[in-house]
Amino acid sequence: MDLVRALLWVLLPISLAGGLILVWQGAPENFLPYVHAATLDDGNQTIAQGPVAALEFIKNLGTYGAGSSM
């Protein structure tokens, strides 16, 4: 019961707020598979899309952070 309460009342609101911050900062949050774009030097670039913001913040909550050596 404590695990469910911790997930619903602590981790879920933190994840939602963090996901919204990532969307505000420009992380993609859609269900498009790929976008093909033309570059300035007449090349082609494939940009991956998807629900990045929601999943990335949850992943960051479960790690020690970038560069930490634990």
PDB file of N, CA and C in Angstrom:
ATOM      1  N   MET A   1       0.812  -1.167   0.000  1.00  0.00           N
ATOM      2  CA  MET A   1       0.000   0.000   0.000  1.00  0.00           C
ATOM      3  C   MET A   1       0.879   1.263   0.000  1.00  0.00           C
ATOM      4  N   ASP A   2       1.991   1.212   0.714  1.00  0.00           N
ATOM      5  CA  ASP A   2       2.877   2.373   0.737  1.00  0.00           C
ATOM      6  C   ASP A   2       3.522   2.632  -0.618  1.00  0.00           C
ATOM      7  N   LEU A   3       3.835   1.558  -1.350  1.00  0.00           N
ATOM      8  CA  LEU A   3       4.422   1.704  -2.683  1.00  0.00           C
ATOM      9  C   LEU A   3       3.436   2.392  -3.630  1.00  0.00           C
ATOM     10  N   VAL A   4       2.186   1.995  -3.590  1.00  0.00           N
ATOM     11  CA  VAL A   4       1.170   2.613  -4.456  1.00  0.00           C
ATOM     12  C   VAL A   4       0.991   4.073  -4.095  1.00  0.00           C
ATOM     13  N   ARG A   5       0.951   4.382  -2.825  1.00  0.00           N
ATOM     14  CA  ARG A   5       0.814   5.786  -2.400  1.00  0.00           C
ATOM     15  C   ARG A   5       2.011   6.616  -2.836  1.00  0.00           C
ATOM     16  N   ALA A   6       3.200   6.058  -2.707  1.00  0.00           N
ATOM     17  CA  ALA A   6       4.399   6.792  -3.128  1.00  0.00           C
ATOM     18  C   ALA A   6       4.385   7.045  -4.629  1.00  0.00           C
ATOM     19  N   LEU A   7       3.969   6.046  -5.406  1.00  0.00           N
ATOM     20  CA  LEU A   7       3.917   6.222  -6.857  1.00  0.00           C
ATOM     21  C   LEU A   7       2.874   7.246  -7.260  1.00  0.00           C
ATOM     22  N   LEU A   8       1.677   7.159  -6.690  1.00  0.00           N
ATOM     23  CA  LEU A   8       0.584   8.030  -7.107  1.00  0.00           C
ATOM     24  C   LEU A   8       0.701   9.452  -6.570  1.00  0.00           C
ATOM     25  N   TRP A   9       1.194   9.624  -5.367  1.00  0.00           N
ATOM     26  CA  TRP A   9       1.177  10.944  -4.741  1.00  0.00           C
ATOM     27  C   TRP A   9       2.508  11.663  -4.785  1.00  0.00           C
ATOM     28  N   VAL A  10       3.595  10.965  -5.096  1.00  0.00           N
ATOM     29  CA  VAL A  10       4.905  11.620  -5.138  1.00  0.00           C
ATOM     30  C   VAL A  10       5.509  11.554  -6.545  1.00  0.00           C
ATOM     31  N   LEU A  11       5.749  10.358  -7.040  1.00  0.00           N
ATOM     32  CA  LEU A  11       6.467  10.215  -8.304  1.00  0.00           C
ATOM     33  C   LEU A  11       5.645  10.637  -9.525  1.00  0.00           C
ATOM     34  N   LEU A  12       4.359  10.351  -9.540  1.00  0.00           N
ATOM     35  CA  LEU A  12       3.534  10.736 -10.687  1.00  0.00           C
ATOM     36  C   LEU A  12       3.431  12.255 -10.840  1.00  0.00           C
ATOM     37  N   PRO A  13       3.156  13.037  -9.792  1.00  0.00           N
ATOM     38  CA  PRO A  13       3.132  14.494  -9.974  1.00  0.00           C
ATOM     39  C   PRO A  13       4.491  15.084 -10.350  1.00  0.00           C
ATOM     40  N   ILE A  14       5.572  14.538  -9.794  1.00  0.00           N
ATOM     41  CA  ILE A  14       6.902  15.027 -10.153  1.00  0.00           C
ATOM     42  C   ILE A  14       7.187  14.729 -11.621  1.00  0.00           C
ATOM     43  N   SER A  15       6.792  13.533 -12.086  1.00  0.00           N
ATOM     44  CA  SER A  15       7.009  13.164 -13.485  1.00  0.00           C
ATOM     45  C   SER A  15       6.190  14.027 -14.437  1.00  0.00           C
ATOM     46  N   LEU A  16       4.955  14.318 -14.084  1.00  0.00           N
ATOM     47  CA  LEU A  16       4.125  15.172 -14.925  1.00  0.00           C
ATOM     48  C   LEU A  16       4.690  16.587 -15.018  1.00  0.00           C
ATOM     49  N   ALA A  17       5.087  17.132 -13.885  1.00  0.00           N
ATOM     50  CA  ALA A  17       5.656  18.484 -13.895  1.00  0.00           C
ATOM     51  C   ALA A  17       6.973  18.516 -14.665  1.00  0.00           C
ATOM     52  N   GLY A  18       7.813  17.527 -14.476  1.00  0.00           N
ATOM     53  CA  GLY A  18       9.086  17.469 -15.198  1.00  0.00           C
ATOM     54  C   GLY A  18       8.897  17.274 -16.689  1.00  0.00           C
ATOM     55  N   GLY A  19       7.919  16.464 -17.084  1.00  0.00           N
ATOM     56  CA  GLY A  19       7.614  16.281 -18.500  1.00  0.00           C
ATOM     57  C   GLY A  19       7.136  17.573 -19.144  1.00  0.00           C
ATOM     58  N   LEU A  20       6.317  18.319 -18.430  1.00  0.00           N
ATOM     59  CA  LEU A  20       5.859  19.611 -18.954  1.00  0.00           C
ATOM     60  C   LEU A  20       7.013  20.602 -19.095  1.00  0.00           C
ATOM     61  N   ILE A  21       7.951  20.562 -18.173  1.00  0.00           N
ATOM     62  CA  ILE A  21       9.132  21.432 -18.285  1.00  0.00           C
ATOM     63  C   ILE A  21       9.954  21.053 -19.507  1.00  0.00           C
ATOM     64  N   LEU A  22      10.117  19.752 -19.758  1.00  0.00           N
ATOM     65  CA  LEU A  22      10.867  19.326 -20.934  1.00  0.00           C
ATOM     66  C   LEU A  22      10.158  19.720 -22.229  1.00  0.00           C
ATOM     67  N   VAL A  23       8.831  19.638 -22.269  1.00  0.00           N
ATOM     68  CA  VAL A  23       8.092  20.078 -23.453  1.00  0.00           C
ATOM     69  C   VAL A  23       8.252  21.574 -23.644  1.00  0.00           C
ATOM     70  N   TRP A  24       8.212  22.326 -22.559  1.00  0.00           N
ATOM     71  CA  TRP A  24       8.394  23.779 -22.618  1.00  0.00           C
ATOM     72  C   TRP A  24       9.781  24.136 -23.155  1.00  0.00           C
ATOM     73  N   GLN A  25      10.774  23.309 -22.852  1.00  0.00           N
ATOM     74  CA  GLN A  25      12.132  23.559 -23.306  1.00  0.00           C
ATOM     75  C   GLN A  25      12.398  23.023 -24.719  1.00  0.00           C
ATOM     76  N   GLY A  26      11.431  22.339 -25.328  1.00  0.00           N
ATOM     77  CA  GLY A  26      11.579  21.936 -26.715  1.00  0.00           C
ATOM     78  C   GLY A  26      11.750  20.456 -26.985  1.00  0.00           C
ATOM     79  N   ALA A  27      11.616  19.607 -25.987  1.00  0.00           N
ATOM     80  CA  ALA A  27      11.715  18.163 -26.227  1.00  0.00           C
ATOM     81  C   ALA A  27      10.469  17.697 -26.980  1.00  0.00           C
ATOM     82  N   PRO A  28      10.628  16.802 -27.953  1.00  0.00           N
ATOM     83  CA  PRO A  28       9.457  16.359 -28.717  1.00  0.00           C
ATOM     84  C   PRO A  28       8.497  15.526 -27.864  1.00  0.00           C
ATOM     85  N   GLU A  29       7.216  15.717 -28.089  1.00  0.00           N
ATOM     86  CA  GLU A  29       6.172  14.964 -27.400  1.00  0.00           C
ATOM     87  C   GLU A  29       5.024  14.769 -28.380  1.00  0.00           C
ATOM     88  N   ASN A  30       5.158  13.789 -29.247  1.00  0.00           N
ATOM     89  CA  ASN A  30       4.133  13.474 -30.235  1.00  0.00           C
ATOM     90  C   ASN A  30       4.239  12.002 -30.589  1.00  0.00           C
ATOM     91  N   PHE A  31       3.451  11.549 -31.545  1.00  0.00           N
ATOM     92  CA  PHE A  31       3.480  10.150 -31.939  1.00  0.00           C
ATOM     93  C   PHE A  31       3.907   9.973 -33.393  1.00  0.00           C
ATOM     94  N   LEU A  32       4.635  10.933 -33.936  1.00  0.00           N
ATOM     95  CA  LEU A  32       5.147  10.822 -35.295  1.00  0.00           C
ATOM     96  C   LEU A  32       6.395   9.933 -35.301  1.00  0.00           C
ATOM     97  N   PRO A  33       6.557   9.066 -36.292  1.00  0.00           N
ATOM     98  CA  PRO A  33       7.729   8.178 -36.279  1.00  0.00           C
ATOM     99  C   PRO A  33       9.027   8.907 -36.630  1.00  0.00           C
ATOM    100  N   TYR A  34       9.087   9.575 -37.777  1.00  0.00           N
ATOM    101  CA  TYR A  34      10.297  10.285 -38.205  1.00  0.00           C
ATOM    102  C   TYR A  34       9.891  11.505 -39.013  1.00  0.00           C
ATOM    103  N   VAL A  35      10.756  12.506 -39.026  1.00  0.00           N
ATOM    104  CA  VAL A  35      10.575  13.682 -39.872  1.00  0.00           C
ATOM    105  C   VAL A  35      11.826  13.805 -40.723  1.00  0.00           C
ATOM    106  N   HIS A  36      11.640  13.971 -42.022  1.00  0.00           N
ATOM    107  CA  HIS A  36      12.767  14.135 -42.931  1.00  0.00           C
ATOM    108  C   HIS A  36      12.923  15.624 -43.227  1.00  0.00           C
ATOM    109  N   ALA A  37      14.134  16.135 -43.047  1.00  0.00           N
ATOM    110  CA  ALA A  37      14.396  17.553 -43.232  1.00  0.00           C
ATOM    111  C   ALA A  37      15.579  17.736 -44.171  1.00  0.00           C
ATOM    112  N   ALA A  38      15.561  18.850 -44.894  1.00  0.00           N
ATOM    113  CA  ALA A  38      16.683  19.209 -45.760  1.00  0.00           C
ATOM    114  C   ALA A  38      17.612  20.133 -44.976  1.00  0.00           C
ATOM    115  N   THR A  39      18.912  19.868 -45.057  1.00  0.00           N
ATOM    116  CA  THR A  39      19.885  20.691 -44.344  1.00  0.00           C
ATOM    117  C   THR A  39      20.359  21.841 -45.220  1.00  0.00           C
ATOM    118  N   LEU A  40      21.123  22.738 -44.641  1.00  0.00           N
ATOM    119  CA  LEU A  40      21.605  23.908 -45.373  1.00  0.00           C
ATOM    120  C   LEU A  40      22.627  23.550 -46.447  1.00  0.00           C
ATOM    121  N   ASP A  41      23.340  22.438 -46.275  1.00  0.00           N
ATOM    122  CA  ASP A  41      24.329  22.041 -47.284  1.00  0.00           C
ATOM    123  C   ASP A  41      23.765  21.011 -48.267  1.00  0.00           C
ATOM    124  N   ASP A  42      22.474  21.096 -48.560  1.00  0.00           N
ATOM    125  CA  ASP A  42      21.764  20.257 -49.530  1.00  0.00           C
ATOM    126  C   ASP A  42      21.803  18.771 -49.191  1.00  0.00           C
ATOM    127  N   GLY A  43      21.805  18.442 -47.941  1.00  0.00           N
ATOM    128  CA  GLY A  43      21.745  17.053 -47.512  1.00  0.00           C
ATOM    129  C   GLY A  43      20.387  16.746 -46.903  1.00  0.00           C
ATOM    130  N   ASN A  44      20.174  15.515 -46.556  1.00  0.00           N
ATOM    131  CA  ASN A  44      18.946  15.097 -45.890  1.00  0.00           C
ATOM    132  C   ASN A  44      19.259  14.639 -44.488  1.00  0.00           C
ATOM    133  N   GLN A  45      18.319  14.884 -43.578  1.00  0.00           N
ATOM    134  CA  GLN A  45      18.489  14.487 -42.193  1.00  0.00           C
ATOM    135  C   GLN A  45      17.190  13.845 -41.722  1.00  0.00           C
ATOM    136  N   THR A  46      17.287  12.742 -41.009  1.00  0.00           N
ATOM    137  CA  THR A  46      16.127  12.082 -40.435  1.00  0.00           C
ATOM    138  C   THR A  46      16.111  12.367 -38.943  1.00  0.00           C
ATOM    139  N   ILE A  47      15.023  12.953 -38.469  1.00  0.00           N
ATOM    140  CA  ILE A  47      14.889  13.340 -37.068  1.00  0.00           C
ATOM    141  C   ILE A  47      13.877  12.410 -36.411  1.00  0.00           C
ATOM    142  N   ALA A  48      14.289  11.712 -35.371  1.00  0.00           N
ATOM    143  CA  ALA A  48      13.391  10.806 -34.650  1.00  0.00           C
ATOM    144  C   ALA A  48      12.431  11.617 -33.791  1.00  0.00           C
ATOM    145  N   GLN A  49      11.184  11.190 -33.757  1.00  0.00           N
ATOM    146  CA  GLN A  49      10.150  11.830 -32.949  1.00  0.00           C
ATOM    147  C   GLN A  49       9.605  10.814 -31.962  1.00  0.00           C
ATOM    148  N   GLY A  50       8.598  11.177 -31.222  1.00  0.00           N
ATOM    149  CA  GLY A  50       7.950  10.248 -30.306  1.00  0.00           C
ATOM    150  C   GLY A  50       7.718  10.890 -28.956  1.00  0.00           C
ATOM    151  N   PRO A  51       7.247  10.108 -28.001  1.00  0.00           N
ATOM    152  CA  PRO A  51       6.968  10.650 -26.668  1.00  0.00           C
ATOM    153  C   PRO A  51       8.249  10.753 -25.829  1.00  0.00           C
ATOM    154  N   VAL A  52       9.131  11.624 -26.218  1.00  0.00           N
ATOM    155  CA  VAL A  52      10.440  11.725 -25.570  1.00  0.00           C
ATOM    156  C   VAL A  52      10.342  12.384 -24.198  1.00  0.00           C
ATOM    157  N   ALA A  53       9.626  13.483 -24.089  1.00  0.00           N
ATOM    158  CA  ALA A  53       9.617  14.265 -22.849  1.00  0.00           C
ATOM    159  C   ALA A  53       9.073  13.454 -21.671  1.00  0.00           C
ATOM    160  N   ALA A  54       7.998  12.738 -21.880  1.00  0.00           N
ATOM    161  CA  ALA A  54       7.398  11.976 -20.785  1.00  0.00           C
ATOM    162  C   ALA A  54       8.318  10.864 -20.302  1.00  0.00           C
ATOM    163  N   LEU A  55       8.941  10.165 -21.241  1.00  0.00           N
ATOM    164  CA  LEU A  55       9.767   9.025 -20.859  1.00  0.00           C
ATOM    165  C   LEU A  55      11.151   9.439 -20.366  1.00  0.00           C
ATOM    166  N   GLU A  56      11.681  10.520 -20.895  1.00  0.00           N
ATOM    167  CA  GLU A  56      13.026  10.957 -20.521  1.00  0.00           C
ATOM    168  C   GLU A  56      13.083  11.428 -19.069  1.00  0.00           C
ATOM    169  N   PHE A  57      12.064  12.124 -18.611  1.00  0.00           N
ATOM    170  CA  PHE A  57      12.100  12.601 -17.232  1.00  0.00           C
ATOM    171  C   PHE A  57      11.974  11.451 -16.247  1.00  0.00           C
ATOM    172  N   ILE A  58      11.161  10.453 -16.571  1.00  0.00           N
ATOM    173  CA  ILE A  58      11.047   9.277 -15.708  1.00  0.00           C
ATOM    174  C   ILE A  58      12.382   8.535 -15.660  1.00  0.00           C
ATOM    175  N   LYS A  59      13.067   8.451 -16.808  1.00  0.00           N
ATOM    176  CA  LYS A  59      14.380   7.812 -16.847  1.00  0.00           C
ATOM    177  C   LYS A  59      15.377   8.582 -15.982  1.00  0.00           C
ATOM    178  N   ASN A  60      15.327   9.909 -16.037  1.00  0.00           N
ATOM    179  CA  ASN A  60      16.248  10.726 -15.252  1.00  0.00           C
ATOM    180  C   ASN A  60      15.967  10.631 -13.758  1.00  0.00           C
ATOM    181  N   LEU A  61      14.727  10.397 -13.365  1.00  0.00           N
ATOM    182  CA  LEU A  61      14.427  10.209 -11.945  1.00  0.00           C
ATOM    183  C   LEU A  61      15.052   8.920 -11.404  1.00  0.00           C
ATOM    184  N   GLY A  62      15.197   7.920 -12.254  1.00  0.00           N
ATOM    185  CA  GLY A  62      15.720   6.640 -11.807  1.00  0.00           C
ATOM    186  C   GLY A  62      17.211   6.500 -11.871  1.00  0.00           C
ATOM    187  N   THR A  63      17.932   7.532 -12.296  1.00  0.00           N
ATOM    188  CA  THR A  63      19.393   7.460 -12.390  1.00  0.00           C
ATOM    189  C   THR A  63      20.024   8.422 -11.390  1.00  0.00           C
ATOM    190  N   TYR A  64      21.322   8.321 -11.255  1.00  0.00           N
ATOM    191  CA  TYR A  64      22.043   9.220 -10.367  1.00  0.00           C
ATOM    192  C   TYR A  64      22.380  10.541 -11.020  1.00  0.00           C
ATOM    193  N   GLY A  65      22.118  10.676 -12.295  1.00  0.00           N
ATOM    194  CA  GLY A  65      22.453  11.901 -13.010  1.00  0.00           C
ATOM    195  C   GLY A  65      23.658  11.685 -13.891  1.00  0.00           C
ATOM    196  N   ALA A  66      23.835  12.583 -14.820  1.00  0.00           N
ATOM    197  CA  ALA A  66      24.937  12.459 -15.768  1.00  0.00           C
ATOM    198  C   ALA A  66      26.265  12.767 -15.095  1.00  0.00           C
ATOM    199  N   GLY A  67      27.235  11.936 -15.341  1.00  0.00           N
ATOM    200  CA  GLY A  67      28.579  12.192 -14.838  1.00  0.00           C
ATOM    201  C   GLY A  67      28.838  11.751 -13.416  1.00  0.00           C
ATOM    202  N   SER A  68      27.852  11.199 -12.758  1.00  0.00           N
ATOM    203  CA  SER A  68      28.100  10.784 -11.384  1.00  0.00           C
ATOM    204  C   SER A  68      28.778   9.415 -11.389  1.00  0.00           C
ATOM    205  N   SER A  69      29.688   9.219 -10.492  1.00  0.00           N
ATOM    206  CA  SER A  69      30.434   7.957 -10.452  1.00  0.00           C
ATOM    207  C   SER A  69      30.149   7.232  -9.142  1.00  0.00           C
ATOM    208  N   MET A  70      29.021   6.590  -9.067  1.00  0.00           N
ATOM    209  CA  MET A  70      28.664   5.833  -7.868  1.00  0.00           C
ATOM    210  C   MET A  70      28.735   4.363  -8.140  1.00  0.00           C
TER     211      MET A  70
END
